[in-house]
Amino acid sequence: MSKIGIGVISVNRPEFFSQCMASLPKSDVVIEVINGERNYSVCRDKVFYQKKTQNVAANKNVALKFLLEEANCDHIFLCEDDIRFEDQNLCQKYIETAENTGILHFNYGAHGFNNRDYDTQKPIVKKVVNYSINMKVDLYHHILGSWSYYHKSCLEQVGYMEESYNNAMEHVDHTFRIYKQAKKHPPFWWFADIHRSYDYIKDIKANFEGSIIRKSEDWQKNLQEACLLFQKRNGYTPMKVPELGFRYVEKELQEIYRTKEYSM
């Protein structure tokens, strides 16, 4: 039987963390990676606490490594602390979508503002891909990192996040690598999520005023440096990655689907 693990990342936000943890969907293993002035863990299966703050990539890698290498999870989820869940079977929805489409990595697309209408705040889905009556995938223009799914084979093939990124672009680079190296995610600018995930996941804060990172004086500097690092590693800054037309994307998705039986 396959094993499901969730890693929850939190930095100095105990109020957010408690709401997130209280609503977590069902899984086999839950670990907490906490940075901050005090350890406010609720003690699930494993706690990694550091008073000194690490960057996002380092924190997420702690969770990924433990869930893959020590807990031997087949299906791995990363969760930041500013979302809450309204469906206890959410992990299974992601796993079923992966099994039925061959896409082995997803990111929740409706977090924050990037993929929402400015006036109505309704999610903007770039494309809904129909696999069957009961199986669809939503593709978004922008990628967010608040809730991410990885099948273990993606991590085994591509590895973990690049820790040289300092609180910016680490998840963007990682997903791009999964597309380029594992070929189990659609091309850049067509970021995959399960259908209507926003019905099951809600922001605790519907904006960035709760973000510790974005309040930092160093955030703009970190973002600029991250874009340069992304360019060095990938040949483009993130905003300059060429956008492929959907006809090409559709062929990529068909190939992912064709080879799905060999992936899980």
Protein backbone atom coordinates (compact mmCIF):
# COMPACT_ATOMS: atom_id res chain seq x y z
CA MET A 1 0.00 0.00 0.00
CA SER A 2 1.30 3.46 -0.87
CA LYS A 3 2.26 5.85 1.92
CA ILE A 4 1.29 9.54 2.13
CA GLY A 5 3.38 12.16 3.93
CA ILE A 6 2.86 15.87 4.60
CA GLY A 7 5.59 18.32 5.60
CA VAL A 8 4.36 21.58 7.16
CA ILE A 9 6.73 24.57 7.07
CA SER A 10 6.29 27.47 9.52
CA VAL A 11 8.39 30.50 10.44
CA ASN A 12 7.30 32.62 13.43
CA ARG A 13 3.57 32.27 12.76
CA PRO A 14 2.04 30.15 15.53
CA GLU A 15 -1.49 31.45 14.92
CA PHE A 16 -1.39 30.51 11.24
CA PHE A 17 0.29 27.21 12.05
CA SER A 18 -2.38 26.11 14.53
CA GLN A 19 -5.18 26.77 12.02
CA CYS A 20 -3.32 24.94 9.28
CA MET A 21 -2.50 21.92 11.42
CA ALA A 22 -6.04 21.63 12.77
CA SER A 23 -7.39 21.25 9.24
CA LEU A 24 -4.74 19.03 7.60
CA PRO A 25 -6.12 16.34 5.29
CA LYS A 26 -5.66 12.67 6.08
CA SER A 27 -2.20 11.19 5.59
CA ASP A 28 0.07 8.54 7.08
CA VAL A 29 2.89 10.82 8.25
CA VAL A 30 2.96 14.49 9.28
CA ILE A 31 6.20 16.30 10.06
CA GLU A 32 6.71 19.89 11.15
CA VAL A 33 9.63 22.13 10.21
CA ILE A 34 9.54 25.18 12.48
CA ASN A 35 11.86 28.20 12.60
CA GLY A 36 11.37 30.96 15.13
CA GLU A 37 11.67 32.33 18.61
CA ARG A 38 9.89 29.34 20.14
CA ASN A 39 8.87 25.85 19.24
CA TYR A 40 5.09 25.88 18.89
CA SER A 41 4.86 22.36 17.52
CA VAL A 42 1.72 20.34 18.09
CA CYS A 43 3.87 17.19 18.03
CA ARG A 44 2.65 14.98 15.24
CA ASP A 45 5.11 12.38 13.93
CA LYS A 46 8.36 14.35 13.72
CA VAL A 47 9.43 17.90 14.54
CA PHE A 48 12.46 19.78 13.19
CA TYR A 49 12.88 23.00 15.17
CA GLN A 50 15.56 25.66 14.72
CA LYS A 51 15.61 28.98 16.52
CA LYS A 52 17.76 30.43 13.74
CA THR A 53 15.72 30.90 10.58
CA GLN A 54 16.71 28.95 7.47
CA ASN A 55 15.63 29.89 3.98
CA VAL A 56 12.55 28.34 2.40
CA ALA A 57 14.46 25.88 0.21
CA ALA A 58 16.44 24.54 3.16
CA ASN A 59 13.31 24.14 5.27
CA LYS A 60 11.41 22.40 2.51
CA ASN A 61 14.34 20.12 1.77
CA VAL A 62 14.36 18.98 5.41
CA ALA A 63 10.77 17.86 4.93
CA LEU A 64 11.30 16.33 1.49
CA LYS A 65 14.37 14.37 2.56
CA PHE A 66 12.75 12.98 5.70
CA LEU A 67 9.52 11.98 3.97
CA LEU A 68 11.33 10.35 1.04
CA GLU A 69 14.41 8.82 2.65
CA GLU A 70 13.34 8.03 6.23
CA ALA A 71 9.56 7.76 6.18
CA ASN A 72 9.62 6.05 2.74
CA CYS A 73 6.57 7.93 1.48
CA ASP A 74 5.32 7.40 -2.06
CA HIS A 75 3.24 10.58 -2.17
CA ILE A 76 4.74 13.70 -0.63
CA PHE A 77 3.04 17.02 0.08
CA LEU A 78 4.65 20.28 1.18
CA CYS A 79 2.46 22.74 3.03
CA GLU A 80 3.17 26.32 4.05
CA ASP A 81 1.36 27.51 7.16
CA ASP A 82 -0.95 30.15 5.65
CA ILE A 83 -3.56 27.83 4.16
CA ARG A 84 -6.32 25.71 5.66
CA PHE A 85 -8.18 22.73 4.27
CA GLU A 86 -11.85 21.93 3.83
CA ASP A 87 -11.62 18.35 2.57
CA GLN A 88 -10.06 15.56 4.60
CA ASN A 89 -9.64 13.45 1.44
CA LEU A 90 -7.67 16.12 -0.44
CA CYS A 91 -4.44 14.11 -0.64
CA GLN A 92 -6.33 11.27 -2.27
CA LYS A 93 -7.75 13.67 -4.87
CA TYR A 94 -4.20 14.67 -5.85
CA ILE A 95 -3.04 11.07 -5.95
CA GLU A 96 -5.98 9.97 -8.10
CA THR A 97 -5.31 12.83 -10.51
CA ALA A 98 -1.65 11.84 -10.75
CA GLU A 99 -2.54 8.19 -11.36
CA ASN A 100 -5.08 9.04 -14.05
CA THR A 101 -3.07 11.68 -15.94
CA GLY A 102 0.58 10.78 -15.38
CA ILE A 103 1.32 14.31 -14.08
CA LEU A 104 3.38 13.62 -10.97
CA HIS A 105 3.80 17.13 -9.57
CA PHE A 106 1.15 19.73 -8.75
CA ASN A 107 1.09 23.16 -7.11
CA TYR A 108 -1.99 24.80 -5.64
CA GLY A 109 -2.75 27.59 -8.11
CA ALA A 110 -5.23 29.85 -6.33
CA HIS A 111 -3.09 30.99 -3.40
CA GLY A 112 -2.73 34.76 -2.99
CA PHE A 113 -3.46 37.11 -5.88
CA ASN A 114 -1.34 36.04 -8.85
CA ASN A 115 -3.95 33.79 -10.45
CA ARG A 116 -7.02 35.73 -9.34
CA ASP A 117 -9.13 38.44 -10.93
CA TYR A 118 -8.16 41.80 -9.43
CA ASP A 119 -11.75 42.96 -8.88
CA THR A 120 -13.65 39.79 -8.02
CA GLN A 121 -10.78 37.75 -6.54
CA LYS A 122 -12.12 34.71 -8.37
CA PRO A 123 -9.45 32.21 -9.51
CA ILE A 124 -8.31 32.55 -13.13
CA VAL A 125 -7.70 29.10 -14.60
CA LYS A 126 -5.74 29.37 -17.82
CA LYS A 127 -6.95 26.07 -19.23
CA VAL A 128 -9.04 23.15 -18.03
CA VAL A 129 -7.84 19.88 -19.57
CA ASN A 130 -10.48 17.16 -19.82
CA TYR A 131 -9.27 13.58 -19.47
CA SER A 132 -12.70 12.05 -18.83
CA ILE A 133 -16.06 13.04 -17.39
CA ASN A 134 -14.71 12.78 -13.85
CA MET A 135 -11.06 13.70 -14.41
CA LYS A 136 -9.84 17.21 -15.21
CA VAL A 137 -6.66 19.18 -14.60
CA ASP A 138 -6.46 22.95 -14.18
CA LEU A 139 -3.49 24.80 -15.68
CA TYR A 140 -2.46 28.18 -14.25
CA HIS A 141 -0.24 30.92 -15.66
CA HIS A 142 1.65 31.58 -12.42
CA ILE A 143 3.14 29.12 -9.98
CA LEU A 144 2.70 29.32 -6.21
CA GLY A 145 4.36 27.20 -3.54
CA SER A 146 1.93 27.06 -0.62
CA TRP A 147 0.82 23.45 -1.28
CA SER A 148 2.74 21.10 -3.55
CA TYR A 149 2.46 17.43 -4.43
CA TYR A 150 5.35 15.21 -5.52
CA HIS A 151 5.31 11.58 -6.48
CA LYS A 152 8.50 10.06 -5.07
CA SER A 153 9.82 9.25 -8.56
CA CYS A 154 10.09 12.97 -9.37
CA LEU A 155 12.31 13.60 -6.36
CA GLU A 156 14.37 10.48 -7.02
CA GLN A 157 15.02 11.64 -10.58
CA VAL A 158 15.38 15.40 -10.12
CA GLY A 159 16.53 15.79 -6.52
CA TYR A 160 15.67 18.44 -4.00
CA MET A 161 15.37 22.22 -4.11
CA GLU A 162 18.39 24.42 -4.81
CA GLU A 163 19.26 25.99 -1.46
CA SER A 164 21.18 28.88 -3.03
CA TYR A 165 17.80 30.54 -3.58
CA ASN A 166 17.13 32.73 -0.57
CA ASN A 167 13.37 32.85 0.00
CA ALA A 168 12.47 33.41 -3.64
CA MET A 169 12.10 31.27 -6.78
CA GLU A 170 13.16 27.97 -5.21
CA HIS A 171 9.84 26.28 -6.03
CA VAL A 172 9.77 27.84 -9.52
CA ASP A 173 13.20 26.40 -10.32
CA HIS A 174 12.27 23.02 -8.86
CA THR A 175 9.08 22.68 -10.89
CA PHE A 176 10.93 23.77 -14.04
CA ARG A 177 13.49 21.03 -13.41
CA ILE A 178 10.73 18.45 -12.98
CA TYR A 179 9.35 19.51 -16.37
CA LYS A 180 12.74 19.47 -18.11
CA GLN A 181 14.31 16.40 -16.50
CA ALA A 182 11.45 14.13 -15.46
CA LYS A 183 8.91 15.19 -18.11
CA LYS A 184 6.08 14.64 -15.64
CA HIS A 185 4.73 18.19 -15.56
CA PRO A 186 3.50 20.51 -18.34
CA PRO A 187 5.76 23.27 -19.74
CA PHE A 188 6.51 26.55 -17.96
CA TRP A 189 3.56 28.97 -17.78
CA TRP A 190 1.17 25.99 -17.76
CA PHE A 191 1.38 25.02 -14.10
CA ALA A 192 -0.74 22.03 -13.12
CA ASP A 193 -3.19 21.63 -10.27
CA ILE A 194 -6.14 19.36 -9.59
CA HIS A 195 -9.50 20.58 -10.82
CA ARG A 196 -11.13 23.21 -8.59
CA SER A 197 -8.60 22.86 -5.79
CA TYR A 198 -9.78 26.24 -4.54
CA ASP A 199 -12.96 24.53 -3.33
CA TYR A 200 -10.87 22.51 -0.88
CA ILE A 201 -8.03 24.90 0.07
CA LYS A 202 -8.43 28.41 1.48
CA ASP A 203 -5.95 31.15 2.33
CA ILE A 204 -5.81 32.01 6.01
CA LYS A 205 -4.91 35.51 4.85
CA ALA A 206 -6.17 36.43 1.39
CA ASN A 207 -3.20 38.72 0.75
CA PHE A 208 0.48 39.05 1.59
CA GLU A 209 0.19 41.09 4.79
CA GLY A 210 0.73 37.91 6.76
CA SER A 211 3.95 36.99 4.96
CA ILE A 212 7.06 37.10 7.13
CA ILE A 213 9.32 36.91 4.07
CA ARG A 214 7.65 39.71 2.12
CA LYS A 215 7.89 42.00 5.15
CA SER A 216 11.65 41.59 5.16
CA GLU A 217 13.76 44.53 3.96
CA ASP A 218 15.87 42.03 2.07
CA TRP A 219 13.00 40.54 0.07
CA GLN A 220 13.38 42.70 -3.06
CA LYS A 221 17.14 42.11 -3.03
CA ASN A 222 16.59 38.37 -2.60
CA LEU A 223 14.13 38.37 -5.49
CA GLN A 224 16.57 40.12 -7.82
CA GLU A 225 19.37 37.75 -6.86
CA ALA A 226 17.05 34.77 -7.30
CA CYS A 227 16.14 35.88 -10.81
CA LEU A 228 19.82 36.11 -11.72
CA LEU A 229 20.48 32.66 -10.26
CA PHE A 230 17.50 31.26 -12.17
CA GLN A 231 18.92 32.76 -15.37
CA LYS A 232 22.33 31.25 -14.68
CA ARG A 233 20.81 27.82 -14.10
CA ASN A 234 18.14 27.86 -16.83
CA GLY A 235 19.22 30.33 -19.50
CA TYR A 236 16.38 32.80 -18.83
CA THR A 237 15.07 34.91 -16.00
CA PRO A 238 11.71 33.50 -14.88
CA MET A 239 9.67 36.17 -16.69
CA LYS A 240 11.60 35.55 -19.93
CA VAL A 241 11.04 31.80 -20.17
CA PRO A 242 9.32 31.35 -23.56
CA GLU A 243 5.65 30.50 -23.38
CA LEU A 244 4.73 27.56 -25.58
CA GLY A 245 1.35 27.44 -27.30
CA PHE A 246 -1.32 25.10 -26.02
CA ARG A 247 -1.11 22.84 -29.08
CA TYR A 248 2.45 21.99 -28.03
CA VAL A 249 1.41 21.70 -24.38
CA GLU A 250 -1.39 19.33 -25.38
CA LYS A 251 1.11 17.05 -27.14
CA GLU A 252 3.30 17.07 -24.02
CA LEU A 253 0.31 16.13 -21.87
CA GLN A 254 -0.57 13.33 -24.27
CA GLU A 255 2.96 11.95 -23.98
CA ILE A 256 2.81 12.18 -20.19
CA TYR A 257 -0.49 10.31 -20.28
CA ARG A 258 0.85 7.69 -22.70
CA THR A 259 3.74 6.82 -20.40
CA LYS A 260 1.87 7.07 -17.09
CA GLU A 261 1.67 3.32 -16.47
CA TYR A 262 5.46 3.23 -16.26
CA SER A 263 5.70 6.09 -13.76
CA MET A 264 3.76 5.15 -10.65
